[in-house]
Protein backbone atom coordinates (compact mmCIF):
# COMPACT_ATOMS: atom_id res chain seq x y z
CA MET A 1 0.00 0.00 0.00
CA TYR A 2 2.71 2.51 1.00
CA SER A 3 6.24 2.58 2.39
CA PHE A 4 7.12 4.45 5.57
CA GLN A 5 10.53 2.79 5.79
CA ASN A 6 12.60 5.85 4.98
CA ASP A 7 12.64 9.31 3.41
CA TYR A 8 14.61 8.45 0.29
CA SER A 9 12.37 5.88 -1.43
CA GLU A 10 11.19 8.42 -4.02
CA GLY A 11 13.37 9.95 -6.71
CA ALA A 12 13.56 13.73 -6.70
CA HIS A 13 11.24 16.71 -6.55
CA PRO A 14 9.99 17.77 -10.02
CA ARG A 15 11.80 21.12 -9.81
CA VAL A 16 15.07 19.28 -9.26
CA LEU A 17 14.39 16.98 -12.21
CA GLN A 18 13.47 19.96 -14.36
CA ALA A 19 16.70 21.72 -13.41
CA LEU A 20 18.66 18.62 -14.40
CA THR A 21 16.79 18.46 -17.71
CA ASP A 22 17.30 22.16 -18.40
CA THR A 23 21.06 21.87 -17.91
CA ASN A 24 21.47 18.40 -19.39
CA LEU A 25 23.25 19.39 -22.62
CA ILE A 26 25.29 22.22 -21.16
CA GLN A 27 28.98 21.37 -21.32
CA THR A 28 30.97 22.13 -18.19
CA CYS A 29 34.25 21.07 -16.65
CA GLY A 30 34.11 18.22 -14.15
CA TYR A 31 34.67 17.46 -10.47
CA GLY A 32 32.55 20.27 -9.07
CA LEU A 33 34.64 23.08 -10.57
CA ASP A 34 31.91 24.24 -12.94
CA PRO A 35 30.02 27.57 -12.75
CA ILE A 36 26.79 25.90 -11.57
CA CYS A 37 28.49 24.35 -8.54
CA GLU A 38 30.13 27.68 -7.78
CA GLU A 39 26.75 29.39 -7.95
CA ALA A 40 25.33 26.78 -5.56
CA ARG A 41 28.31 27.24 -3.22
CA ASN A 42 27.80 31.00 -3.14
CA LEU A 43 24.08 30.54 -2.52
CA ILE A 44 24.87 28.32 0.47
CA ARG A 45 27.43 30.81 1.81
CA THR A 46 24.81 33.55 1.58
CA LEU A 47 22.12 31.51 3.30
CA CYS A 48 24.56 30.58 6.07
CA ALA A 49 25.93 34.13 6.41
CA ALA A 50 29.37 32.53 6.14
CA PRO A 51 31.12 34.14 3.15
CA GLU A 52 34.53 32.66 4.03
CA SER A 53 33.35 29.07 4.48
CA GLU A 54 34.41 26.22 2.25
CA VAL A 55 31.55 24.37 0.56
CA HIS A 56 31.96 20.93 -1.01
CA PHE A 57 29.49 18.52 -2.59
CA LEU A 58 29.60 14.75 -2.09
CA VAL A 59 27.23 11.98 -3.09
CA GLY A 60 26.15 10.11 0.06
CA GLY A 61 25.97 10.42 3.83
CA THR A 62 28.40 7.73 4.94
CA GLN A 63 30.93 8.81 2.32
CA THR A 64 30.57 12.39 3.55
CA ASN A 65 30.99 11.51 7.22
CA LEU A 66 34.08 9.39 6.74
CA THR A 67 35.68 11.93 4.40
CA VAL A 68 35.07 14.85 6.77
CA ILE A 69 36.33 12.98 9.81
CA ALA A 70 39.38 11.50 8.07
CA SER A 71 40.33 14.92 6.72
CA LEU A 72 40.19 16.68 10.09
CA LEU A 73 41.83 14.14 12.41
CA GLN A 74 45.31 12.81 12.91
CA PRO A 75 45.56 9.00 12.70
CA TYR A 76 45.59 8.63 16.50
CA GLU A 77 42.64 10.96 17.12
CA ALA A 78 39.09 9.77 17.85
CA VAL A 79 35.44 10.75 17.59
CA ILE A 80 32.98 11.30 20.45
CA ALA A 81 29.37 10.35 19.65
CA ALA A 82 26.12 9.21 21.19
CA HIS A 83 25.74 5.44 21.32
CA THR A 84 22.88 5.83 18.82
CA GLY A 85 24.94 8.02 16.49
CA HIS A 86 24.89 7.16 12.80
CA VAL A 87 28.68 6.83 12.64
CA ASN A 88 28.48 4.26 15.44
CA CYS A 89 25.46 2.20 14.41
CA HIS A 90 24.76 2.49 10.70
CA GLU A 91 28.00 2.94 8.78
CA THR A 92 29.55 -0.54 8.90
CA GLY A 93 32.60 0.68 10.79
CA ALA A 94 33.41 3.23 8.08
CA ILE A 95 34.95 5.66 10.56
CA GLU A 96 37.03 2.94 12.22
CA ALA A 97 38.10 1.78 8.74
CA THR A 98 39.76 5.17 8.28
CA GLY A 99 41.70 4.56 11.52
CA HIS A 100 39.59 6.64 13.90
CA LYS A 101 37.88 5.05 16.88
CA VAL A 102 34.33 6.14 17.74
CA CYS A 103 34.07 6.66 21.52
CA THR A 104 30.44 6.58 22.64
CA ALA A 105 28.39 7.66 25.62
CA ASP A 106 24.85 6.56 26.40
CA SER A 107 22.19 9.05 25.37
CA PRO A 108 18.51 8.59 26.23
CA ASP A 109 17.36 11.12 23.63
CA GLY A 110 20.02 10.67 20.94
CA LYS A 111 21.68 14.02 21.67
CA VAL A 112 25.23 14.65 22.87
CA THR A 113 25.62 16.87 25.94
CA PRO A 114 28.67 18.53 27.51
CA ALA A 115 28.42 16.04 30.39
CA MET A 116 28.69 13.16 27.92
CA VAL A 117 31.72 14.74 26.29
CA GLU A 118 33.31 15.22 29.71
CA SER A 119 32.70 11.58 30.59
CA VAL A 120 34.50 10.34 27.47
CA LEU A 121 37.39 12.72 28.03
CA ALA A 122 37.69 11.53 31.64
CA LEU A 123 38.03 7.92 30.48
CA HIS A 124 40.98 8.91 28.30
CA ALA A 125 42.59 11.42 30.66
CA GLY A 126 45.31 9.19 32.07
CA GLY A 127 46.07 6.99 29.11
CA GLY A 128 48.63 9.17 27.40
CA GLU A 129 49.92 7.78 24.12
CA HIS A 130 48.51 4.34 24.97
CA MET A 131 44.95 5.47 24.21
CA VAL A 132 43.29 7.32 21.36
CA PHE A 133 43.00 11.08 21.73
CA PRO A 134 39.37 12.31 21.47
CA LYS A 135 39.39 15.30 19.16
CA LEU A 136 36.02 15.63 17.37
CA VAL A 137 32.45 15.60 18.64
CA TYR A 138 29.96 14.13 16.16
CA ILE A 139 26.29 15.02 16.40
CA SER A 140 23.38 14.79 14.00
CA ASP A 141 20.31 16.98 13.57
CA THR A 142 17.87 15.39 13.53
CA THR A 143 19.25 12.59 15.68
CA GLU A 144 18.75 8.94 14.87
CA ILE A 145 15.65 8.92 17.07
CA GLY A 146 14.13 12.08 15.64
CA THR A 147 15.05 14.58 18.34
CA VAL A 148 16.47 18.02 17.50
CA TYR A 149 18.95 20.40 19.06
CA THR A 150 18.06 23.82 20.42
CA LYS A 151 20.32 26.84 20.12
CA ALA A 152 21.02 26.72 23.84
CA GLU A 153 22.06 23.07 23.65
CA LEU A 154 24.32 23.64 20.66
CA THR A 155 25.84 26.74 22.27
CA ALA A 156 26.64 24.77 25.43
CA LEU A 157 28.24 22.04 23.34
CA ARG A 158 30.28 24.64 21.42
CA ARG A 159 31.50 26.10 24.71
CA CYS A 160 32.52 22.64 25.93
CA CYS A 161 34.38 21.91 22.70
CA ASP A 162 36.23 25.22 22.90
CA GLU A 163 37.22 24.54 26.48
CA HIS A 164 38.80 21.22 25.53
CA GLY A 165 40.11 22.06 22.06
CA LEU A 166 37.62 19.79 20.28
CA LEU A 167 36.11 20.09 16.82
CA LEU A 168 32.32 20.02 16.46
CA PHE A 169 30.78 18.28 13.44
CA MET A 170 27.03 18.19 12.76
CA ASP A 171 25.69 15.57 10.35
CA GLY A 172 22.74 17.23 8.63
CA ALA A 173 21.43 14.32 6.58
CA ARG A 174 17.97 15.31 7.87
CA LEU A 175 18.79 18.96 8.52
CA GLY A 176 15.70 20.20 6.71
CA SER A 177 13.44 18.28 9.06
CA ALA A 178 15.40 19.56 12.05
CA LEU A 179 15.39 23.24 11.15
CA THR A 180 11.68 23.26 10.27
CA SER A 181 10.71 21.38 13.44
CA PRO A 182 8.65 23.41 15.92
CA ALA A 183 11.12 22.25 18.59
CA SER A 184 14.07 23.95 16.88
CA ASP A 185 15.15 27.56 17.12
CA LEU A 186 18.33 27.08 15.09
CA THR A 187 19.09 28.62 11.69
CA LEU A 188 21.71 28.01 9.04
CA PRO A 189 23.74 31.04 10.23
CA ASP A 190 23.61 29.62 13.77
CA LEU A 191 25.09 26.35 12.54
CA ALA A 192 27.85 28.13 10.65
CA ALA A 193 28.68 30.10 13.81
CA LEU A 194 28.47 27.24 16.31
CA THR A 195 30.01 24.28 14.46
CA ASP A 196 33.32 23.72 12.70
CA VAL A 197 31.65 21.74 9.94
CA PHE A 198 28.08 20.73 9.16
CA THR A 199 26.24 19.21 6.26
CA ILE A 200 23.02 19.97 4.40
CA GLY A 201 21.49 16.70 3.31
CA GLY A 202 19.85 16.49 -0.09
CA THR A 203 19.36 12.74 -0.43
CA LYS A 204 16.61 12.65 2.21
CA ASN A 205 14.94 15.89 1.21
CA GLY A 206 14.12 16.13 -2.47
CA ALA A 207 17.38 15.44 -4.29
CA LEU A 208 18.26 12.34 -6.28
CA PHE A 209 21.45 12.23 -4.22
CA GLY A 210 23.90 14.64 -2.65
CA GLU A 211 25.23 16.17 0.57
CA ALA A 212 26.71 19.65 0.93
CA VAL A 213 29.60 20.10 3.37
CA ILE A 214 30.06 23.55 4.94
CA MET A 215 33.41 23.99 6.67
CA THR A 216 34.32 27.00 8.78
CA VAL A 217 37.51 25.31 10.03
CA PRO A 218 40.47 25.33 7.62
CA CYS A 219 41.10 22.10 5.71
CA SER A 220 43.29 22.99 2.77
CA HIS A 221 43.48 19.52 1.25
CA PHE A 222 39.85 18.45 1.59
CA ARG A 223 39.49 17.87 -2.14
CA TRP A 224 42.44 15.44 -1.99
CA HIS A 225 40.54 13.51 0.69
CA MET A 226 37.41 13.57 -1.46
CA LYS A 227 39.28 12.13 -4.41
CA GLN A 228 41.01 9.42 -2.38
CA ARG A 229 37.73 8.34 -0.77
CA GLY A 230 35.83 8.15 -4.05
CA GLY A 231 33.79 11.25 -3.29
CA MET A 232 34.76 13.41 -6.25
CA LEU A 233 32.05 12.98 -8.86
CA ALA A 234 33.27 13.44 -12.45
CA LYS A 235 29.90 14.93 -13.40
CA GLY A 236 30.04 17.09 -10.29
CA ARG A 237 27.73 19.70 -11.76
CA LEU A 238 24.83 17.28 -11.14
CA LEU A 239 25.23 18.04 -7.43
CA GLY A 240 25.40 21.79 -7.95
CA VAL A 241 22.31 21.77 -10.14
CA GLN A 242 20.30 19.95 -7.49
CA PHE A 243 21.36 22.10 -4.55
CA ARG A 244 20.81 25.29 -6.53
CA ALA A 245 17.26 24.15 -7.27
CA LEU A 246 16.55 23.00 -3.71
CA LEU A 247 17.85 26.15 -2.05
CA THR A 248 16.11 28.59 -4.39
CA ASP A 249 12.83 30.13 -3.16
CA HIS A 250 12.87 28.09 0.09
CA LEU A 251 12.02 24.81 -1.68
CA TYR A 252 14.32 22.80 0.59
CA PHE A 253 12.55 23.99 3.72
CA ASP A 254 9.07 23.74 2.22
CA LEU A 255 9.71 20.07 1.42
CA ALA A 256 11.04 19.36 4.91
CA ARG A 257 8.12 21.15 6.51
CA HIS A 258 5.71 18.94 4.58
CA ALA A 259 7.54 15.80 5.74
CA ASN A 260 7.23 16.98 9.34
CA GLU A 261 3.55 17.80 8.97
CA MET A 262 2.83 14.33 7.63
CA ALA A 263 4.77 12.81 10.53
CA PHE A 264 2.75 14.82 13.04
CA ARG A 265 -0.46 13.71 11.36
CA LEU A 266 0.74 10.13 11.71
CA ARG A 267 1.82 10.65 15.33
CA ASP A 268 -1.46 12.24 16.34
CA GLY A 269 -3.40 9.43 14.68
CA PHE A 270 -1.41 6.77 16.54
CA ALA A 271 -1.89 8.64 19.82
CA ALA A 272 -5.65 8.92 19.25
CA LEU A 273 -5.74 5.13 18.96
CA GLY A 274 -3.96 4.78 22.31
CA TYR A 275 -0.41 4.12 21.15
CA LYS A 276 2.52 5.41 23.22
CA PHE A 277 5.85 6.90 22.17
CA PRO A 278 8.90 6.26 24.38
CA VAL A 279 10.66 9.32 22.92
CA LEU A 280 8.71 12.29 21.63
CA SER A 281 10.06 13.09 18.18
CA PRO A 282 9.33 16.56 16.75
CA SER A 283 10.49 15.58 13.25
CA ASN A 284 9.73 13.24 10.37
CA GLN A 285 10.66 10.03 12.20
CA GLN A 286 8.08 8.63 14.62
CA PHE A 287 8.55 5.70 17.02
CA PRO A 288 5.31 4.19 18.37
CA VAL A 289 5.21 1.13 20.62
CA MET A 290 3.17 -1.62 18.97
CA ASN A 291 2.20 -5.19 19.65
CA ILE A 292 4.36 -7.32 17.38
CA GLN A 293 1.39 -9.27 16.05
CA THR A 294 -0.44 -6.05 15.24
CA ALA A 295 2.62 -4.74 13.40
CA GLU A 296 2.89 -7.96 11.42
CA LYS A 297 -0.77 -7.70 10.40
CA LEU A 298 -0.29 -4.10 9.35
CA ALA A 299 2.72 -5.12 7.27
CA SER A 300 0.70 -7.91 5.67
CA MET A 301 -1.72 -5.23 4.45
CA GLY A 302 1.07 -3.74 2.36
CA TYR A 303 2.53 -1.06 4.64
CA GLU A 304 6.29 -0.97 5.03
CA PHE A 305 8.06 0.24 8.17
CA GLN A 306 10.87 -0.94 10.42
CA MET A 307 11.22 -2.42 13.88
CA ASP A 308 13.57 -0.15 15.79
CA HIS A 309 14.05 -2.46 18.79
CA PRO A 310 12.04 -5.04 20.75
CA LEU A 311 10.82 -4.27 24.25
CA ASP A 312 9.73 -7.77 25.26
CA ALA A 313 8.37 -10.92 23.68
CA ASP A 314 5.14 -9.18 22.63
CA THR A 315 5.92 -5.52 21.96
CA ALA A 316 8.50 -3.44 20.12
CA VAL A 317 9.26 0.12 19.13
CA TYR A 318 8.75 0.69 15.41
CA ARG A 319 9.97 3.45 13.14
CA PHE A 320 7.72 5.24 10.64
CA VAL A 321 9.31 7.85 8.37
CA THR A 322 7.56 10.41 6.18
CA SER A 323 9.12 12.29 3.29
CA TRP A 324 8.71 15.39 1.15
CA ALA A 325 6.50 13.29 -1.14
CA THR A 326 4.26 11.56 1.42
CA PRO A 327 0.60 12.34 0.61
CA GLU A 328 -2.00 12.89 3.34
CA SER A 329 -4.02 10.04 1.88
CA ALA A 330 -1.22 7.54 2.58
CA VAL A 331 -1.10 8.58 6.23
CA ASP A 332 -4.89 8.47 6.58
CA ASP A 333 -5.11 5.08 4.89
CA LEU A 334 -2.51 3.61 7.25
CA LEU A 335 -4.34 4.99 10.29
CA SER A 336 -7.62 3.61 8.98
CA ALA A 337 -6.01 0.20 8.51
CA LEU A 338 -4.53 0.36 11.99
CA SER A 339 -7.89 1.21 13.54
CA GLN A 340 -9.33 -1.97 11.99
CA LEU A 341 -6.76 -3.99 13.94
CA GLN A 342 -7.77 -2.55 17.32
């Protein structure tokens, strides 16, 4: 009937496809050095109020995370992340494969706090050269469980990083959903001011593929790292075309706002039927607790979604994700089907 498994099942927004069609036969140089990519970079710098920042385009999220982290750290330096962080749970050891250990701390809401950073640093305080040296704090917005950072939280984390000489990296694979969430008071200029590097995710918000990296910390050889890690697309202008289209006339944020609205419609419908949520997510990922048999029946009716984790033999937390393309009718049909299983 409909898939709520993720927010990248569809292709791309029609305006993105039209932009690709309109520029299809234009000849440009490769590897992101073309005028379209430069126009997209300047647009991003303007939106972020960060005229001196470096902007790079890569294809996918994991590739972006490992390239950013490998480029900024010495071989003996490590990453601090929440235990639920994407680099820890969903990237097949990609960060460790580059030689950088991911040091985690438990997080009930998916967010990293100064106290968590302090706890990891304390564990490594007396190890000297016999232990890795934590150097970079990795966070994501939204988090893996749909929560979002506030400006106060990010400011406190920035202050902690400055105190300990740490870099702060925000993975923005779902940044559109985060910034348009009613629980967020952050803006793109805030992110440029409070992080050393962050990304604007296109793959999960209307692009065919693509992530934009915004760096306010110097990294003079980042393009060398991109090339070595397979992140330098020969037809790089395809990334510039998409981001130029997404970031023109607020399309990127309009799409993310729609995804959130559909998620809230889904959440409210689940709640009206008596379902509980262990973590309240103000974004496009929702995590209701369901009876496993009920979930299996719902799946047998053609709806796709994922089990996040079991709670006991009979119940589990499930993940439902809405996208820029999710129609209201799909949400309403799922809720109607669920009500029949009550």
